Amino acid sequence: MTTMRAKLQVGSVFAHRNEAGETQTETVSFFGVAAKSYPADGSDEDNTFARFSPSANFQISIANPALHGQFEPGQKFYVDFTPAQ
């Protein structure tokens, strides 16, 4: 069974609000991590992820109110991909 782990960083968060100003959904955009500078020994984890997944873009629309405001630009997350049945 093939699995993959990616490391993504939040690039932007956009709240979609109703006329009363209440957030209905948030669109969160992620991109693949990359180190700003690469240590000579290659020890930076972002460098390792960028080497094997040099480009990634992911966008999700979140309607669950409990998750609104939980994502901020700059945060990093591991995302695991496993086959669904």
C-alpha atoms as a PDB file:
ATOM      1  CA  MET A   1       0.000   0.000   0.000  1.00  0.00           C
ATOM      2  CA  THR A   2       1.520   3.332  -1.085  1.00  0.00           C
ATOM      3  CA  THR A   3       1.597   6.161   1.446  1.00  0.00           C
ATOM      4  CA  MET A   4       3.166   9.591   1.330  1.00  0.00           C
ATOM      5  CA  ARG A   5       3.872  12.322   3.853  1.00  0.00           C
ATOM      6  CA  ALA A   6       4.115  15.935   2.722  1.00  0.00           C
ATOM      7  CA  LYS A   7       5.108  18.984   4.727  1.00  0.00           C
ATOM      8  CA  LEU A   8       3.042  22.037   3.822  1.00  0.00           C
ATOM      9  CA  GLN A   9       3.033  25.659   4.955  1.00  0.00           C
ATOM     10  CA  VAL A  10      -0.018  27.904   5.196  1.00  0.00           C
ATOM     11  CA  GLY A  11       0.302  30.648   2.599  1.00  0.00           C
ATOM     12  CA  SER A  12      -3.001  32.435   3.104  1.00  0.00           C
ATOM     13  CA  VAL A  13      -6.328  32.281   4.923  1.00  0.00           C
ATOM     14  CA  PHE A  14      -9.405  33.980   3.496  1.00  0.00           C
ATOM     15  CA  ALA A  15     -12.634  34.234   5.496  1.00  0.00           C
ATOM     16  CA  HIS A  16     -15.892  34.204   3.507  1.00  0.00           C
ATOM     17  CA  ARG A  17     -18.397  36.210   5.546  1.00  0.00           C
ATOM     18  CA  ASN A  18     -22.150  36.673   5.333  1.00  0.00           C
ATOM     19  CA  GLU A  19     -23.871  40.089   5.396  1.00  0.00           C
ATOM     20  CA  ALA A  20     -23.732  40.112   9.208  1.00  0.00           C
ATOM     21  CA  GLY A  21     -19.952  39.701   9.089  1.00  0.00           C
ATOM     22  CA  GLU A  22     -19.989  36.126  10.398  1.00  0.00           C
ATOM     23  CA  THR A  23     -17.497  33.711   8.896  1.00  0.00           C
ATOM     24  CA  GLN A  24     -19.312  31.025   6.900  1.00  0.00           C
ATOM     25  CA  THR A  25     -16.240  29.295   5.435  1.00  0.00           C
ATOM     26  CA  GLU A  26     -12.504  29.839   5.299  1.00  0.00           C
ATOM     27  CA  THR A  27     -10.312  29.057   2.324  1.00  0.00           C
ATOM     28  CA  VAL A  28      -6.854  27.978   3.422  1.00  0.00           C
ATOM     29  CA  SER A  29      -4.069  27.747   0.833  1.00  0.00           C
ATOM     30  CA  PHE A  30      -0.950  25.679   1.468  1.00  0.00           C
ATOM     31  CA  PHE A  31       2.314  25.280  -0.435  1.00  0.00           C
ATOM     32  CA  GLY A  32       5.223  22.870  -0.171  1.00  0.00           C
ATOM     33  CA  VAL A  33       7.941  23.869   2.262  1.00  0.00           C
ATOM     34  CA  ALA A  34      11.380  24.984   1.197  1.00  0.00           C
ATOM     35  CA  ALA A  35      14.281  26.067   3.329  1.00  0.00           C
ATOM     36  CA  LYS A  36      15.303  29.716   3.083  1.00  0.00           C
ATOM     37  CA  SER A  37      18.913  28.650   3.245  1.00  0.00           C
ATOM     38  CA  TYR A  38      20.245  25.139   2.999  1.00  0.00           C
ATOM     39  CA  PRO A  39      22.830  23.944   5.519  1.00  0.00           C
ATOM     40  CA  ALA A  40      25.899  22.396   3.916  1.00  0.00           C
ATOM     41  CA  ASP A  41      25.188  19.069   5.612  1.00  0.00           C
ATOM     42  CA  GLY A  42      21.576  18.978   4.291  1.00  0.00           C
ATOM     43  CA  SER A  43      20.214  18.628   7.825  1.00  0.00           C
ATOM     44  CA  ASP A  44      17.274  21.030   7.482  1.00  0.00           C
ATOM     45  CA  GLU A  45      14.011  19.038   7.455  1.00  0.00           C
ATOM     46  CA  ASP A  46      12.293  21.476   5.062  1.00  0.00           C
ATOM     47  CA  ASN A  47      15.206  20.941   2.684  1.00  0.00           C
ATOM     48  CA  THR A  48      14.633  17.179   2.797  1.00  0.00           C
ATOM     49  CA  PHE A  49      10.906  17.495   2.065  1.00  0.00           C
ATOM     50  CA  ALA A  50      11.541  20.033  -0.726  1.00  0.00           C
ATOM     51  CA  ARG A  51      14.069  17.710  -2.330  1.00  0.00           C
ATOM     52  CA  PHE A  52      11.568  14.875  -2.771  1.00  0.00           C
ATOM     53  CA  SER A  53       8.419  17.007  -3.298  1.00  0.00           C
ATOM     54  CA  PRO A  54       9.800  20.187  -4.836  1.00  0.00           C
ATOM     55  CA  SER A  55       6.416  21.681  -5.622  1.00  0.00           C
ATOM     56  CA  ALA A  56       3.027  21.375  -3.918  1.00  0.00           C
ATOM     57  CA  ASN A  57      -0.153  23.431  -3.769  1.00  0.00           C
ATOM     58  CA  PHE A  58      -3.215  22.551  -1.735  1.00  0.00           C
ATOM     59  CA  GLN A  59      -6.367  24.546  -1.042  1.00  0.00           C
ATOM     60  CA  ILE A  60      -9.242  23.617   1.232  1.00  0.00           C
ATOM     61  CA  SER A  61     -12.541  25.308   2.026  1.00  0.00           C
ATOM     62  CA  ILE A  62     -13.455  24.790   5.684  1.00  0.00           C
ATOM     63  CA  ALA A  63     -17.111  25.040   6.733  1.00  0.00           C
ATOM     64  CA  ASN A  64     -16.644  23.654  10.266  1.00  0.00           C
ATOM     65  CA  PRO A  65     -16.962  26.692  12.595  1.00  0.00           C
ATOM     66  CA  ALA A  66     -14.769  24.982  15.212  1.00  0.00           C
ATOM     67  CA  LEU A  67     -11.851  25.196  12.771  1.00  0.00           C
ATOM     68  CA  HIS A  68     -12.296  28.846  11.764  1.00  0.00           C
ATOM     69  CA  GLY A  69      -9.364  30.924  12.966  1.00  0.00           C
ATOM     70  CA  GLN A  70      -7.214  27.849  13.640  1.00  0.00           C
ATOM     71  CA  PHE A  71      -4.890  28.311  10.645  1.00  0.00           C
ATOM     72  CA  GLU A  72      -2.427  31.184  10.255  1.00  0.00           C
ATOM     73  CA  PRO A  73       0.020  32.019   7.463  1.00  0.00           C
ATOM     74  CA  GLY A  74       3.446  30.580   8.175  1.00  0.00           C
ATOM     75  CA  GLN A  75       2.256  27.550  10.161  1.00  0.00           C
ATOM     76  CA  LYS A  76       3.589  24.204   8.937  1.00  0.00           C
ATOM     77  CA  PHE A  77       1.767  20.872   8.893  1.00  0.00           C
ATOM     78  CA  TYR A  78       2.490  17.281   7.963  1.00  0.00           C
ATOM     79  CA  VAL A  79      -0.120  15.864   5.633  1.00  0.00           C
ATOM     80  CA  ASP A  80      -0.348  12.098   5.284  1.00  0.00           C
ATOM     81  CA  PHE A  81      -1.811  10.522   2.167  1.00  0.00           C
ATOM     82  CA  THR A  82      -3.086   6.972   2.465  1.00  0.00           C
ATOM     83  CA  PRO A  83      -5.393   5.161   0.050  1.00  0.00           C
ATOM     84  CA  ALA A  84      -9.099   5.307   0.868  1.00  0.00           C
ATOM     85  CA  GLN A  85     -11.281   2.237   0.647  1.00  0.00           C
END
